[in-house]
Protein backbone atom coordinates (compact mmCIF):
# COMPACT_ATOMS: atom_id res chain seq x y z
CA MET A 1 205.90 54.98 69.98
CA ASP A 2 204.74 53.45 66.55
CA GLY A 3 203.28 55.17 63.65
CA THR A 4 199.62 54.53 64.59
CA ALA A 5 200.20 55.69 68.13
CA ILE A 6 201.84 58.90 66.89
CA SER A 7 199.03 59.58 64.33
CA ASN A 8 196.29 59.18 67.19
CA TYR A 9 198.18 61.42 69.46
CA ILE A 10 198.47 64.14 66.73
CA CYS A 11 194.73 63.82 65.86
CA ASN A 12 193.62 63.72 69.39
CA LYS A 13 195.82 66.59 70.78
CA PRO A 14 193.60 69.40 69.04
CA MET A 15 190.41 67.83 70.33
CA LYS A 16 191.75 67.62 73.96
CA LEU A 17 192.98 71.29 73.80
CA PHE A 18 189.57 72.28 72.53
CA ILE A 19 187.73 70.48 75.36
CA SER A 20 190.07 71.99 77.93
CA VAL A 21 189.66 75.60 76.55
CA SER A 22 185.76 75.17 76.46
CA ILE A 23 185.79 74.02 80.16
CA LEU A 24 187.94 77.01 81.12
CA LEU A 25 185.64 79.47 79.24
CA PHE A 26 182.54 77.94 80.80
CA THR A 27 184.01 78.18 84.20
CA LEU A 28 185.06 81.87 83.73
CA CYS A 29 181.63 82.75 82.29
CA SER A 30 179.75 81.02 85.28
CA CYS A 31 182.06 82.95 87.83
CA LYS A 32 181.45 86.06 86.06
CA ASN A 33 177.68 85.65 86.29
CA GLU A 34 177.88 85.05 89.97
CA ARG A 35 178.26 87.94 92.53
CA ARG A 36 179.55 86.72 95.94
CA LYS A 37 179.23 89.04 98.89
CA VAL A 38 180.49 88.29 102.37
CA LEU A 39 177.99 89.59 104.98
CA GLU A 40 179.74 88.56 108.29
CA THR A 41 183.26 87.43 109.17
CA TRP A 42 184.87 85.76 112.14
CA GLU A 43 187.48 87.48 114.26
CA ASN A 44 190.12 85.43 112.58
CA GLY A 45 189.19 86.96 109.12
CA ASN A 46 187.38 83.76 107.88
CA PRO A 47 183.99 84.46 106.28
CA LYS A 48 181.08 83.61 108.55
CA LEU A 49 178.22 84.28 106.27
CA GLU A 50 178.16 84.98 102.57
CA ARG A 51 175.55 85.35 99.83
CA THR A 52 175.95 84.56 96.08
CA SER A 53 173.54 86.25 93.68
CA PHE A 54 173.19 85.83 89.85
CA GLN A 55 173.25 88.48 87.12
CA GLY A 56 169.93 88.59 85.30
CA ASP A 57 167.85 87.11 88.10
CA ASN A 58 168.05 89.18 91.32
CA SER A 59 165.18 87.09 92.95
CA LYS A 60 167.62 84.08 93.50
CA PHE A 61 170.58 83.65 95.82
CA VAL A 62 172.48 81.16 97.66
CA GLU A 63 173.44 81.69 101.42
CA ARG A 64 176.29 79.97 102.89
CA ARG A 65 177.36 79.88 106.56
CA PHE A 66 180.81 78.78 107.69
CA TYR A 67 182.33 77.51 110.92
CA ARG A 68 185.19 79.53 112.47
CA ASN A 69 187.79 77.14 110.72
CA GLY A 70 186.44 78.02 107.38
CA LEU A 71 184.44 74.67 106.87
CA ILE A 72 180.85 75.14 105.58
CA GLU A 73 177.96 74.83 107.94
CA TYR A 74 175.13 75.10 105.63
CA GLU A 75 174.13 76.17 102.07
CA ILE A 76 170.56 77.11 101.33
CA ASN A 77 168.90 78.35 98.11
CA PHE A 78 166.45 81.27 98.27
CA LYS A 79 163.97 82.81 95.87
CA ASP A 80 162.27 86.01 96.74
CA SER A 81 163.88 85.84 100.18
CA LEU A 82 162.20 82.52 100.86
CA LYS A 83 163.83 79.17 101.05
CA ASP A 84 163.47 77.57 97.55
CA GLY A 85 165.35 74.52 96.41
CA ASN A 86 167.92 72.55 98.19
CA ALA A 87 169.14 73.18 101.77
CA VAL A 88 172.10 71.22 102.94
CA TYR A 89 173.55 71.34 106.45
CA PHE A 90 177.07 69.98 107.56
CA TYR A 91 178.76 68.84 110.89
CA LYS A 92 182.12 70.36 112.02
CA ASN A 93 183.76 67.15 110.71
CA GLU A 94 182.52 67.97 107.19
CA LYS A 95 179.98 65.17 107.07
CA LYS A 96 176.50 65.84 105.85
CA LYS A 97 173.95 66.60 108.66
CA SER A 98 170.83 66.81 106.73
CA GLN A 99 169.36 67.69 103.42
CA GLU A 100 165.96 69.33 102.81
CA ASN A 101 164.00 70.61 99.82
CA TYR A 102 161.83 73.86 99.91
CA SER A 103 159.20 75.45 97.64
CA ASN A 104 158.16 79.01 98.29
CA GLY A 105 159.46 78.78 101.94
CA LYS A 106 157.84 75.44 102.78
CA LEU A 107 159.27 71.98 103.15
CA ASN A 108 158.37 69.95 100.21
CA GLY A 109 159.80 66.57 99.17
CA ASP A 110 162.33 64.22 100.75
CA VAL A 111 164.06 65.09 103.98
CA ILE A 112 167.15 63.22 105.08
CA GLU A 113 169.18 63.49 108.38
CA TYR A 114 172.53 61.85 109.28
CA PHE A 115 174.38 60.93 112.47
CA GLU A 116 177.78 62.57 112.94
CA ASN A 117 179.40 59.36 111.98
CA GLY A 118 177.74 59.49 108.54
CA THR A 119 175.10 56.82 108.96
CA LEU A 120 171.49 57.43 108.29
CA LYS A 121 169.30 58.97 111.08
CA VAL A 122 166.04 59.88 109.46
CA THR A 123 164.13 59.61 106.03
CA GLY A 124 160.85 61.28 105.39
CA LYS A 125 158.74 63.37 103.17
CA PHE A 126 157.00 66.70 103.59
CA GLU A 127 154.15 68.45 101.60
CA ASN A 128 153.42 72.14 102.41
CA ASN A 129 155.59 71.99 105.57
CA GLU A 130 153.79 68.90 106.95
CA PRO A 131 155.19 65.41 107.20
CA VAL A 132 153.32 62.95 105.07
CA GLY A 133 153.39 59.19 104.60
CA ILE A 134 156.20 57.01 106.26
CA THR A 135 158.99 58.45 108.18
CA LYS A 136 161.86 56.07 109.19
CA ARG A 137 164.21 56.48 112.14
CA PHE A 138 167.50 54.57 112.57
CA TYR A 139 169.89 53.89 115.48
CA GLU A 140 173.33 55.22 115.23
CA ASN A 141 174.54 51.58 114.64
CA GLY A 142 172.64 51.70 111.26
CA LYS A 143 169.73 49.41 112.42
CA ILE A 144 166.31 50.67 111.94
CA GLU A 145 164.42 51.87 115.00
CA LYS A 146 160.84 52.75 113.92
CA GLU A 147 158.45 53.42 111.05
CA VAL A 148 156.02 56.18 111.76
CA PHE A 149 152.95 56.99 109.49
CA TYR A 150 151.68 60.68 109.07
CA LYS A 151 148.15 61.10 107.81
CA GLY A 152 148.61 64.84 106.96
CA ASN A 153 147.58 66.00 110.60
CA LYS A 154 151.14 66.09 112.07
CA ILE A 155 150.15 63.20 114.40
CA PRO A 156 152.58 60.23 114.12
CA TYR A 157 151.13 56.77 114.16
CA LEU A 158 153.73 54.17 115.11
CA VAL A 159 153.56 51.29 112.66
CA ASN A 160 156.73 49.27 113.43
CA TYR A 161 159.32 49.51 116.18
CA TRP A 162 162.66 47.56 116.80
CA ASP A 163 165.03 47.69 119.76
CA THR A 164 168.71 48.41 119.36
CA LEU A 165 169.48 44.61 118.80
CA GLY A 166 166.96 44.38 115.94
CA ASN A 167 164.04 42.73 117.81
CA GLN A 168 160.82 43.95 116.65
CA GLN A 169 158.48 44.99 119.43
CA ILE A 170 155.66 46.63 117.44
CA LYS A 171 154.41 45.12 114.17
CA ASN A 172 151.84 46.69 112.16
CA GLY A 173 150.79 48.96 114.83
CA SER A 174 150.42 46.61 117.65
CA GLY A 175 152.65 45.24 120.34
CA LYS A 176 154.28 46.04 123.68
CA ILE A 177 157.11 48.60 123.55
CA MET A 178 160.05 49.48 125.95
CA GLN A 179 162.05 52.50 124.91
CA ARG A 180 164.00 55.29 126.38
CA THR A 181 162.44 58.87 126.27
CA THR A 182 162.30 61.92 128.58
CA LEU A 183 159.55 62.79 131.06
CA ASN A 184 159.75 66.41 132.64
CA ASN A 185 163.37 66.65 131.55
CA ILE A 186 164.19 63.30 133.16
CA ALA A 187 165.65 60.41 131.17
CA VAL A 188 163.11 57.54 131.60
CA ARG A 189 162.16 54.07 130.12
CA GLU A 190 158.50 53.86 129.14
CA GLU A 191 156.58 50.63 128.82
CA GLY A 192 153.11 50.18 127.27
CA PHE A 193 150.89 48.61 124.60
CA TYR A 194 149.91 49.74 121.16
CA ILE A 195 146.93 48.38 119.42
CA ASP A 196 146.34 49.56 115.70
CA THR A 197 148.83 52.37 116.17
CA MET A 198 147.18 53.63 119.24
CA ARG A 199 148.44 53.84 122.89
CA VAL A 200 146.04 51.94 125.16
CA GLY A 201 145.99 50.76 128.76
CA THR A 202 148.38 51.79 131.59
CA TRP A 203 151.79 53.09 130.58
CA LYS A 204 154.71 52.96 133.08
CA TYR A 205 157.65 55.31 133.26
CA TYR A 206 160.89 54.42 135.10
CA ASP A 207 163.78 56.74 136.08
CA LEU A 208 166.81 55.50 134.15
CA ARG A 209 169.21 56.55 136.97
CA THR A 210 167.39 54.75 139.79
CA GLY A 211 165.21 52.28 138.20
CA LYS A 212 162.25 53.45 140.22
CA LEU A 213 158.74 53.79 138.79
CA ILE A 214 157.85 57.52 138.91
CA GLN A 215 154.69 57.83 136.83
CA GLU A 216 151.70 55.74 135.41
CA CYS A 217 149.47 57.09 132.77
CA ASP A 218 146.26 55.50 131.39
CA PHE A 219 145.59 55.89 127.63
CA GLU A 220 142.49 55.39 125.61
CA ASN A 221 142.70 55.67 121.86
CA ASN A 222 146.08 57.26 122.01
CA ARG A 223 144.84 59.99 124.49
CA PRO A 224 145.95 60.13 128.14
CA THR A 225 142.98 59.97 130.48
CA THR A 226 144.59 59.73 134.01
CA VAL A 227 148.17 60.46 135.21
CA ARG A 228 149.52 59.24 138.64
CA ASN A 229 152.81 60.34 139.99
CA MET A 230 154.57 57.97 142.34
């Protein structure tokens, strides 16, 4: 080590020591201001539910729930016993399941959901507990499935839709769609037309197991008018 390197080492060592001590003191003070309480435990002794409060502000606390193996299931911020701030949920494989934001107990802001493999599932926005604007849904393979528009009345208006291969079936609210859904707890394929985001005409529903047509439903301006069971 030459003279310059030795000089730099000597000069920098006190600064590094000061930074390390400062970080340690900050951590200790932060921990001291937090009060962690285990509310429930699993039979193996691992915490199941815990709450962390903060000295000087009893109105705020963080609630964490854990899986039996000790991994976190969710972490939610509260204020005055109402959800306030971030709420994050996790799968058992430690990957993030969803992330929400609350204000005074109501959903406000961005909402994001993920598949268990980590790919994006849903993105949307809420105001006062109601979805607003564009909500996007994705397939597990990462391709976009649909874009739905909310006008503040909780009614979704389908704007764009793609099948699993990326072929667009609905564009700017119009087109013919074929998609999987459920009907009376039966997995079905539904087929029908949209015009200006509204269901119109006769929609058909086929049992996915047998391929047979089991129901027809006539729509007018997005409202069912006649239902025929086969």
